[in-house]
């Protein structure tokens, strides 16, 4: 929790994952949004999944693609793959 208090993006991402796995999608969204503001690529990818599946947020393909794009730019391999699939299907 100390690392979260120091606004460590990796710790924020991890806390988001803990809350997501507990079914608390709203809190996961909050942690991942904070982490993306600090440039965390995994949090961008996780937010893209929330927007794709509508967990804690309305399904929104534009927001999904935005977060996939941000994660892909940072080098996230799954984001690159998912982004390519979205582009292929459109």
N, C-alpha and C. Protein backbone atom coordinates (compact mmCIF):
# COMPACT_ATOMS: atom_id res chain seq x y z
N UNK A 1 0.82 -1.19 0.00
CA UNK A 1 0.00 0.00 0.00
C UNK A 1 0.86 1.25 0.00
N UNK A 2 2.10 1.14 0.51
CA UNK A 2 2.99 2.29 0.55
C UNK A 2 3.31 2.77 -0.86
N UNK A 3 3.51 1.82 -1.78
CA UNK A 3 3.82 2.20 -3.16
C UNK A 3 2.62 2.87 -3.83
N UNK A 4 1.41 2.47 -3.47
CA UNK A 4 0.22 3.13 -4.01
C UNK A 4 0.17 4.56 -3.51
N UNK A 5 0.50 4.76 -2.24
CA UNK A 5 0.48 6.10 -1.66
C UNK A 5 1.50 7.02 -2.32
N UNK A 6 2.58 6.45 -2.85
CA UNK A 6 3.59 7.28 -3.53
C UNK A 6 3.27 7.46 -5.00
N UNK A 7 2.11 6.98 -5.40
CA UNK A 7 1.61 7.10 -6.77
C UNK A 7 2.55 6.39 -7.75
N UNK A 8 2.87 5.16 -7.45
CA UNK A 8 3.66 4.29 -8.31
C UNK A 8 2.70 3.67 -9.33
N UNK A 9 2.90 3.89 -10.64
CA UNK A 9 1.95 3.38 -11.63
C UNK A 9 1.83 1.85 -11.64
N UNK A 10 2.91 1.14 -11.38
CA UNK A 10 2.84 -0.32 -11.35
C UNK A 10 2.01 -0.79 -10.16
N UNK A 11 2.17 -0.14 -9.02
CA UNK A 11 1.38 -0.48 -7.84
C UNK A 11 -0.09 -0.16 -8.07
N UNK A 12 -0.37 0.97 -8.71
CA UNK A 12 -1.76 1.33 -9.03
C UNK A 12 -2.38 0.29 -9.95
N UNK A 13 -1.62 -0.16 -10.95
CA UNK A 13 -2.10 -1.19 -11.87
C UNK A 13 -2.39 -2.47 -11.11
N UNK A 14 -1.50 -2.85 -10.22
CA UNK A 14 -1.69 -4.07 -9.43
C UNK A 14 -2.92 -3.99 -8.54
N UNK A 15 -3.13 -2.85 -7.93
CA UNK A 15 -4.32 -2.66 -7.09
C UNK A 15 -5.58 -2.75 -7.94
N UNK A 16 -5.53 -2.20 -9.14
CA UNK A 16 -6.67 -2.31 -10.05
C UNK A 16 -6.98 -3.76 -10.37
N UNK A 17 -5.94 -4.55 -10.60
CA UNK A 17 -6.13 -5.96 -10.91
C UNK A 17 -6.73 -6.72 -9.72
N UNK A 18 -6.27 -6.40 -8.53
CA UNK A 18 -6.83 -7.03 -7.32
C UNK A 18 -8.32 -6.73 -7.22
N UNK A 19 -8.69 -5.47 -7.41
CA UNK A 19 -10.11 -5.09 -7.32
C UNK A 19 -10.92 -5.71 -8.45
N UNK A 20 -10.34 -5.76 -9.65
CA UNK A 20 -11.05 -6.38 -10.77
C UNK A 20 -11.34 -7.85 -10.48
N UNK A 21 -10.33 -8.56 -9.98
CA UNK A 21 -10.51 -9.98 -9.68
C UNK A 21 -11.50 -10.22 -8.55
N UNK A 22 -11.68 -9.21 -7.69
CA UNK A 22 -12.69 -9.29 -6.62
C UNK A 22 -14.07 -8.89 -7.11
N UNK A 23 -14.18 -8.51 -8.39
CA UNK A 23 -15.46 -8.11 -8.95
C UNK A 23 -15.79 -6.64 -8.78
N UNK A 24 -14.87 -5.86 -8.26
CA UNK A 24 -15.08 -4.43 -8.04
C UNK A 24 -14.52 -3.66 -9.24
N UNK A 25 -15.28 -3.66 -10.33
CA UNK A 25 -14.82 -3.06 -11.57
C UNK A 25 -14.70 -1.54 -11.49
N UNK A 26 -15.55 -0.91 -10.71
CA UNK A 26 -15.49 0.55 -10.59
C UNK A 26 -14.17 1.01 -9.96
N UNK A 27 -13.76 0.34 -8.91
CA UNK A 27 -12.50 0.70 -8.25
C UNK A 27 -11.32 0.35 -9.13
N UNK A 28 -11.40 -0.77 -9.83
CA UNK A 28 -10.34 -1.14 -10.78
C UNK A 28 -10.19 -0.05 -11.83
N UNK A 29 -11.32 0.43 -12.33
CA UNK A 29 -11.32 1.52 -13.32
C UNK A 29 -10.60 2.75 -12.78
N UNK A 30 -10.89 3.10 -11.54
CA UNK A 30 -10.26 4.28 -10.92
C UNK A 30 -8.74 4.11 -10.82
N UNK A 31 -8.29 2.95 -10.35
CA UNK A 31 -6.84 2.72 -10.22
C UNK A 31 -6.17 2.72 -11.58
N UNK A 32 -6.77 2.06 -12.56
CA UNK A 32 -6.15 1.99 -13.88
C UNK A 32 -6.15 3.35 -14.56
N UNK A 33 -7.17 4.14 -14.33
CA UNK A 33 -7.19 5.49 -14.92
C UNK A 33 -6.06 6.33 -14.34
N UNK A 34 -5.84 6.24 -13.04
CA UNK A 34 -4.72 6.97 -12.43
C UNK A 34 -3.39 6.50 -13.01
N UNK A 35 -3.25 5.19 -13.17
CA UNK A 35 -1.99 4.64 -13.68
C UNK A 35 -1.75 5.03 -15.14
N UNK A 36 -2.81 5.10 -15.94
CA UNK A 36 -2.62 5.51 -17.33
C UNK A 36 -2.17 6.96 -17.42
N UNK A 37 -2.61 7.77 -16.49
CA UNK A 37 -2.15 9.15 -16.45
C UNK A 37 -0.66 9.26 -16.19
N UNK A 38 -0.09 8.19 -15.65
CA UNK A 38 1.35 8.13 -15.39
C UNK A 38 2.08 7.30 -16.45
N UNK A 39 1.34 6.91 -17.51
CA UNK A 39 1.95 6.23 -18.64
C UNK A 39 2.06 4.72 -18.54
N UNK A 40 1.29 4.09 -17.66
CA UNK A 40 1.39 2.64 -17.49
C UNK A 40 0.67 1.92 -18.63
N UNK A 41 1.43 1.17 -19.45
CA UNK A 41 0.85 0.53 -20.63
C UNK A 41 -0.10 -0.61 -20.26
N UNK A 42 0.18 -1.34 -19.20
CA UNK A 42 -0.72 -2.43 -18.81
C UNK A 42 -2.08 -1.90 -18.38
N UNK A 43 -2.09 -0.76 -17.74
CA UNK A 43 -3.37 -0.16 -17.34
C UNK A 43 -4.16 0.29 -18.55
N UNK A 44 -3.47 0.82 -19.56
CA UNK A 44 -4.17 1.17 -20.81
C UNK A 44 -4.81 -0.08 -21.40
N UNK A 45 -4.05 -1.16 -21.44
CA UNK A 45 -4.58 -2.41 -21.99
C UNK A 45 -5.77 -2.90 -21.17
N UNK A 46 -5.66 -2.86 -19.85
CA UNK A 46 -6.75 -3.31 -18.99
C UNK A 46 -8.00 -2.46 -19.19
N UNK A 47 -7.83 -1.16 -19.35
CA UNK A 47 -8.98 -0.30 -19.60
C UNK A 47 -9.62 -0.63 -20.95
N UNK A 48 -8.80 -0.99 -21.93
CA UNK A 48 -9.37 -1.37 -23.23
C UNK A 48 -10.29 -2.59 -23.08
N UNK A 49 -9.90 -3.51 -22.21
CA UNK A 49 -10.73 -4.69 -21.98
C UNK A 49 -12.03 -4.34 -21.27
N UNK A 50 -11.95 -3.39 -20.32
CA UNK A 50 -13.18 -2.94 -19.66
C UNK A 50 -14.14 -2.35 -20.67
N UNK A 51 -13.62 -1.50 -21.56
CA UNK A 51 -14.48 -0.87 -22.56
C UNK A 51 -14.99 -1.88 -23.59
N UNK A 52 -14.19 -2.88 -23.92
CA UNK A 52 -14.65 -3.90 -24.88
C UNK A 52 -15.77 -4.74 -24.28
N UNK A 53 -15.64 -5.11 -23.02
CA UNK A 53 -16.60 -6.02 -22.39
C UNK A 53 -17.69 -5.33 -21.58
N UNK A 54 -17.55 -4.02 -21.35
CA UNK A 54 -18.56 -3.30 -20.58
C UNK A 54 -18.54 -3.60 -19.10
N UNK A 55 -17.37 -3.90 -18.56
CA UNK A 55 -17.25 -4.15 -17.12
C UNK A 55 -17.04 -2.83 -16.39
N UNK A 56 -18.05 -2.37 -15.69
CA UNK A 56 -17.95 -1.14 -14.91
C UNK A 56 -18.09 0.13 -15.73
N UNK A 57 -18.15 -0.01 -17.05
CA UNK A 57 -18.31 1.13 -17.96
C UNK A 57 -19.23 0.68 -19.09
N UNK A 58 -19.74 1.66 -19.82
CA UNK A 58 -20.51 1.33 -21.03
C UNK A 58 -19.56 0.80 -22.09
N UNK A 59 -19.99 -0.19 -22.87
CA UNK A 59 -19.17 -0.64 -23.99
C UNK A 59 -18.94 0.54 -24.92
N UNK A 60 -17.68 0.72 -25.30
CA UNK A 60 -17.33 1.88 -26.12
C UNK A 60 -16.12 1.51 -26.99
N UNK A 61 -16.37 1.23 -28.26
CA UNK A 61 -15.30 0.80 -29.15
C UNK A 61 -14.25 1.89 -29.35
N UNK A 62 -14.67 3.14 -29.39
CA UNK A 62 -13.69 4.22 -29.56
C UNK A 62 -12.73 4.30 -28.38
N UNK A 63 -13.25 4.15 -27.17
CA UNK A 63 -12.38 4.17 -25.99
C UNK A 63 -11.52 2.91 -25.93
N UNK A 64 -12.09 1.79 -26.35
CA UNK A 64 -11.31 0.55 -26.41
C UNK A 64 -10.11 0.74 -27.34
N UNK A 65 -10.36 1.26 -28.53
CA UNK A 65 -9.29 1.46 -29.50
C UNK A 65 -8.28 2.49 -29.01
N UNK A 66 -8.77 3.56 -28.37
CA UNK A 66 -7.85 4.56 -27.83
C UNK A 66 -6.85 3.93 -26.86
N UNK A 67 -7.37 3.15 -25.92
CA UNK A 67 -6.49 2.54 -24.92
C UNK A 67 -5.62 1.44 -25.52
N UNK A 68 -6.14 0.70 -26.49
CA UNK A 68 -5.30 -0.26 -27.19
C UNK A 68 -4.15 0.44 -27.90
N UNK A 69 -4.47 1.55 -28.56
CA UNK A 69 -3.46 2.32 -29.28
C UNK A 69 -2.38 2.84 -28.34
N UNK A 70 -2.79 3.38 -27.21
CA UNK A 70 -1.82 3.90 -26.24
C UNK A 70 -0.92 2.78 -25.70
N UNK A 71 -1.51 1.63 -25.40
CA UNK A 71 -0.72 0.50 -24.91
C UNK A 71 0.21 -0.03 -26.00
N UNK A 72 -0.29 -0.10 -27.22
CA UNK A 72 0.52 -0.60 -28.34
C UNK A 72 1.71 0.31 -28.60
N UNK A 73 1.50 1.62 -28.52
CA UNK A 73 2.59 2.58 -28.72
C UNK A 73 3.70 2.33 -27.70
N UNK A 74 3.30 1.93 -26.49
CA UNK A 74 4.29 1.66 -25.44
C UNK A 74 4.93 0.28 -25.59
N UNK A 75 4.45 -0.53 -26.52
CA UNK A 75 5.05 -1.83 -26.77
C UNK A 75 4.31 -3.02 -26.20
N UNK A 76 3.09 -2.84 -25.75
CA UNK A 76 2.31 -3.95 -25.18
C UNK A 76 1.90 -4.89 -26.30
N UNK A 77 2.39 -6.12 -26.27
CA UNK A 77 2.19 -7.06 -27.38
C UNK A 77 0.73 -7.49 -27.55
N UNK A 78 0.02 -7.76 -26.46
CA UNK A 78 -1.38 -8.15 -26.58
C UNK A 78 -2.21 -7.00 -27.13
N UNK A 79 -1.86 -5.77 -26.75
CA UNK A 79 -2.58 -4.61 -27.27
C UNK A 79 -2.36 -4.49 -28.77
N UNK A 80 -1.13 -4.72 -29.22
CA UNK A 80 -0.86 -4.68 -30.67
C UNK A 80 -1.68 -5.72 -31.40
N UNK A 81 -1.74 -6.92 -30.85
CA UNK A 81 -2.52 -7.99 -31.47
C UNK A 81 -4.01 -7.63 -31.52
N UNK A 82 -4.56 -7.18 -30.38
CA UNK A 82 -5.98 -6.83 -30.35
C UNK A 82 -6.30 -5.65 -31.25
N UNK A 83 -5.40 -4.68 -31.31
CA UNK A 83 -5.59 -3.52 -32.19
C UNK A 83 -5.61 -3.97 -33.65
N UNK A 84 -4.70 -4.87 -34.00
CA UNK A 84 -4.68 -5.39 -35.37
C UNK A 84 -5.99 -6.11 -35.69
N UNK A 85 -6.53 -6.85 -34.74
CA UNK A 85 -7.81 -7.54 -34.95
C UNK A 85 -8.96 -6.55 -35.15
N UNK A 86 -8.96 -5.50 -34.36
CA UNK A 86 -10.01 -4.47 -34.51
C UNK A 86 -9.91 -3.84 -35.89
N UNK A 87 -8.71 -3.50 -36.29
CA UNK A 87 -8.51 -2.88 -37.61
C UNK A 87 -8.87 -3.85 -38.73
N UNK A 88 -8.53 -5.12 -38.58
CA UNK A 88 -8.84 -6.12 -39.59
C UNK A 88 -10.36 -6.25 -39.78
N UNK A 89 -11.07 -6.24 -38.64
CA UNK A 89 -12.53 -6.42 -38.70
C UNK A 89 -13.28 -5.18 -39.16
N UNK A 90 -12.60 -4.06 -39.19
CA UNK A 90 -13.25 -2.83 -39.66
C UNK A 90 -12.74 -2.52 -41.03
